[in-house]
Amino acid sequence: MINVQSLKFDADQKLLEFVEKKVGKVEKFFDNLGDIDVTLSLTPDADNKHVKIQTRFPGEDLVIERSSRTFEEAVTEAADAMKERIVRAKEKKFR
């Protein structure tokens, strides 16, 4: 299950659907992932759209954070990084 939380602003439906679509692909990489928590927030930096994705992989917590000029770009980068992290964790666990 994907839980999306937006801090200091209200995310519109289009953004929420984008997050669900991109982060939903992460679930395909491992069946026993825990819930995936996505936190969207604004920071005072130039790249002020911040995304944090965290989930529970058996034996460890996986956390990825990315910032960008748009939430869509930050979500895409974070989701891609999470996929790579899950693949590495799987390879390490099942060697």
C-alpha atoms as a PDB file:
ATOM      1  CA  MET A   1       0.000   0.000   0.000  1.00  0.00           C
ATOM      2  CA  ILE A   2       1.253   3.474  -0.854  1.00  0.00           C
ATOM      3  CA  ASN A   3       0.688   6.240   1.692  1.00  0.00           C
ATOM      4  CA  VAL A   4       1.231   9.786   0.412  1.00  0.00           C
ATOM      5  CA  GLN A   5       1.604  12.729   2.769  1.00  0.00           C
ATOM      6  CA  SER A   6       2.150  16.346   1.737  1.00  0.00           C
ATOM      7  CA  LEU A   7       3.685  18.739   4.254  1.00  0.00           C
ATOM      8  CA  LYS A   8       2.999  22.494   4.233  1.00  0.00           C
ATOM      9  CA  PHE A   9       0.810  22.318   1.101  1.00  0.00           C
ATOM     10  CA  ASP A  10      -2.140  20.445  -0.381  1.00  0.00           C
ATOM     11  CA  ALA A  11      -1.169  18.122  -3.220  1.00  0.00           C
ATOM     12  CA  ASP A  12      -3.629  18.136  -6.106  1.00  0.00           C
ATOM     13  CA  GLN A  13      -5.206  14.966  -7.473  1.00  0.00           C
ATOM     14  CA  LYS A  14      -2.987  14.974 -10.565  1.00  0.00           C
ATOM     15  CA  LEU A  15       0.183  14.925  -8.447  1.00  0.00           C
ATOM     16  CA  LEU A  16      -1.193  12.191  -6.165  1.00  0.00           C
ATOM     17  CA  GLU A  17      -2.039  10.033  -9.185  1.00  0.00           C
ATOM     18  CA  PHE A  18       1.462  10.600 -10.603  1.00  0.00           C
ATOM     19  CA  VAL A  19       3.029   9.517  -7.302  1.00  0.00           C
ATOM     20  CA  GLU A  20       0.826   6.401  -7.146  1.00  0.00           C
ATOM     21  CA  LYS A  21       1.764   5.459 -10.723  1.00  0.00           C
ATOM     22  CA  LYS A  22       5.533   5.980 -10.359  1.00  0.00           C
ATOM     23  CA  VAL A  23       5.937   4.560  -6.870  1.00  0.00           C
ATOM     24  CA  GLY A  24       3.538   1.702  -7.633  1.00  0.00           C
ATOM     25  CA  LYS A  25       6.139   0.332 -10.046  1.00  0.00           C
ATOM     26  CA  VAL A  26       8.539  -0.122  -7.123  1.00  0.00           C
ATOM     27  CA  GLU A  27       6.262  -2.797  -5.638  1.00  0.00           C
ATOM     28  CA  LYS A  28       6.887  -5.048  -8.649  1.00  0.00           C
ATOM     29  CA  PHE A  29      10.517  -5.538  -7.646  1.00  0.00           C
ATOM     30  CA  PHE A  30       9.796  -7.445  -4.439  1.00  0.00           C
ATOM     31  CA  ASP A  31       6.588  -9.096  -3.190  1.00  0.00           C
ATOM     32  CA  ASN A  32       7.171  -8.750   0.555  1.00  0.00           C
ATOM     33  CA  LEU A  33       7.750  -5.010   0.777  1.00  0.00           C
ATOM     34  CA  GLY A  34       6.017  -3.269   3.627  1.00  0.00           C
ATOM     35  CA  ASP A  35       3.859  -0.218   3.048  1.00  0.00           C
ATOM     36  CA  ILE A  36       5.548   2.483   1.003  1.00  0.00           C
ATOM     37  CA  ASP A  37       5.412   5.928   2.601  1.00  0.00           C
ATOM     38  CA  VAL A  38       5.913   8.956   0.365  1.00  0.00           C
ATOM     39  CA  THR A  39       6.372  12.392   1.902  1.00  0.00           C
ATOM     40  CA  LEU A  40       6.212  15.485  -0.290  1.00  0.00           C
ATOM     41  CA  SER A  41       7.479  18.760   1.148  1.00  0.00           C
ATOM     42  CA  LEU A  42       8.685  22.227   0.214  1.00  0.00           C
ATOM     43  CA  THR A  43      12.121  23.508   1.222  1.00  0.00           C
ATOM     44  CA  PRO A  44      13.609  27.018   0.982  1.00  0.00           C
ATOM     45  CA  ASP A  45      16.245  25.905  -1.598  1.00  0.00           C
ATOM     46  CA  ALA A  46      16.170  26.595  -5.352  1.00  0.00           C
ATOM     47  CA  ASP A  47      15.308  22.916  -5.909  1.00  0.00           C
ATOM     48  CA  ASN A  48      12.571  23.235  -3.329  1.00  0.00           C
ATOM     49  CA  LYS A  49      10.420  20.185  -4.102  1.00  0.00           C
ATOM     50  CA  HIS A  50      11.528  17.424  -1.733  1.00  0.00           C
ATOM     51  CA  VAL A  51      10.415  13.780  -1.872  1.00  0.00           C
ATOM     52  CA  LYS A  52      11.134  11.061   0.673  1.00  0.00           C
ATOM     53  CA  ILE A  53      10.222   7.428  -0.067  1.00  0.00           C
ATOM     54  CA  GLN A  54      10.561   4.832   2.650  1.00  0.00           C
ATOM     55  CA  THR A  55       9.609   1.198   2.919  1.00  0.00           C
ATOM     56  CA  ARG A  56      10.478  -1.886   4.915  1.00  0.00           C
ATOM     57  CA  PHE A  57      12.508  -4.578   3.196  1.00  0.00           C
ATOM     58  CA  PRO A  58      12.928  -7.774   5.245  1.00  0.00           C
ATOM     59  CA  GLY A  59      15.720  -6.984   7.663  1.00  0.00           C
ATOM     60  CA  GLU A  60      16.184  -3.299   6.869  1.00  0.00           C
ATOM     61  CA  ASP A  61      14.459   0.037   6.306  1.00  0.00           C
ATOM     62  CA  LEU A  62      14.986   1.582   2.892  1.00  0.00           C
ATOM     63  CA  VAL A  63      14.863   5.388   2.657  1.00  0.00           C
ATOM     64  CA  ILE A  64      15.495   7.503  -0.438  1.00  0.00           C
ATOM     65  CA  GLU A  65      15.300  11.307  -0.563  1.00  0.00           C
ATOM     66  CA  ARG A  66      15.496  13.547  -3.622  1.00  0.00           C
ATOM     67  CA  SER A  67      14.967  17.251  -4.308  1.00  0.00           C
ATOM     68  CA  SER A  68      14.264  18.929  -7.619  1.00  0.00           C
ATOM     69  CA  ARG A  69      12.538  21.891  -9.261  1.00  0.00           C
ATOM     70  CA  THR A  70       9.338  19.872  -9.752  1.00  0.00           C
ATOM     71  CA  PHE A  71       7.678  17.170  -7.689  1.00  0.00           C
ATOM     72  CA  GLU A  72       7.332  14.997 -10.779  1.00  0.00           C
ATOM     73  CA  GLU A  73      11.085  15.057 -11.394  1.00  0.00           C
ATOM     74  CA  ALA A  74      11.897  14.416  -7.721  1.00  0.00           C
ATOM     75  CA  VAL A  75       9.395  11.524  -7.514  1.00  0.00           C
ATOM     76  CA  THR A  76      10.785   9.940 -10.692  1.00  0.00           C
ATOM     77  CA  GLU A  77      14.387  10.188  -9.440  1.00  0.00           C
ATOM     78  CA  ALA A  78      13.484   8.840  -5.991  1.00  0.00           C
ATOM     79  CA  ALA A  79      11.399   5.959  -7.397  1.00  0.00           C
ATOM     80  CA  ASP A  80      14.208   4.954  -9.783  1.00  0.00           C
ATOM     81  CA  ALA A  81      16.737   5.077  -6.944  1.00  0.00           C
ATOM     82  CA  MET A  82      14.427   2.974  -4.742  1.00  0.00           C
ATOM     83  CA  LYS A  83      14.107   0.339  -7.479  1.00  0.00           C
ATOM     84  CA  GLU A  84      17.899   0.085  -7.698  1.00  0.00           C
ATOM     85  CA  ARG A  85      18.193  -0.096  -3.915  1.00  0.00           C
ATOM     86  CA  ILE A  86      15.626  -2.919  -3.723  1.00  0.00           C
ATOM     87  CA  VAL A  87      17.412  -4.884  -6.457  1.00  0.00           C
ATOM     88  CA  ARG A  88      20.743  -4.512  -4.603  1.00  0.00           C
ATOM     89  CA  ALA A  89      19.152  -5.514  -1.286  1.00  0.00           C
ATOM     90  CA  LYS A  90      17.558  -8.561  -2.934  1.00  0.00           C
ATOM     91  CA  GLU A  91      20.849  -9.643  -4.475  1.00  0.00           C
ATOM     92  CA  LYS A  92      22.608  -9.231  -1.141  1.00  0.00           C
ATOM     93  CA  LYS A  93      19.925 -11.127   0.787  1.00  0.00           C
ATOM     94  CA  PHE A  94      19.483 -14.036  -1.619  1.00  0.00           C
ATOM     95  CA  ARG A  95      23.069 -14.809  -2.599  1.00  0.00           C
END
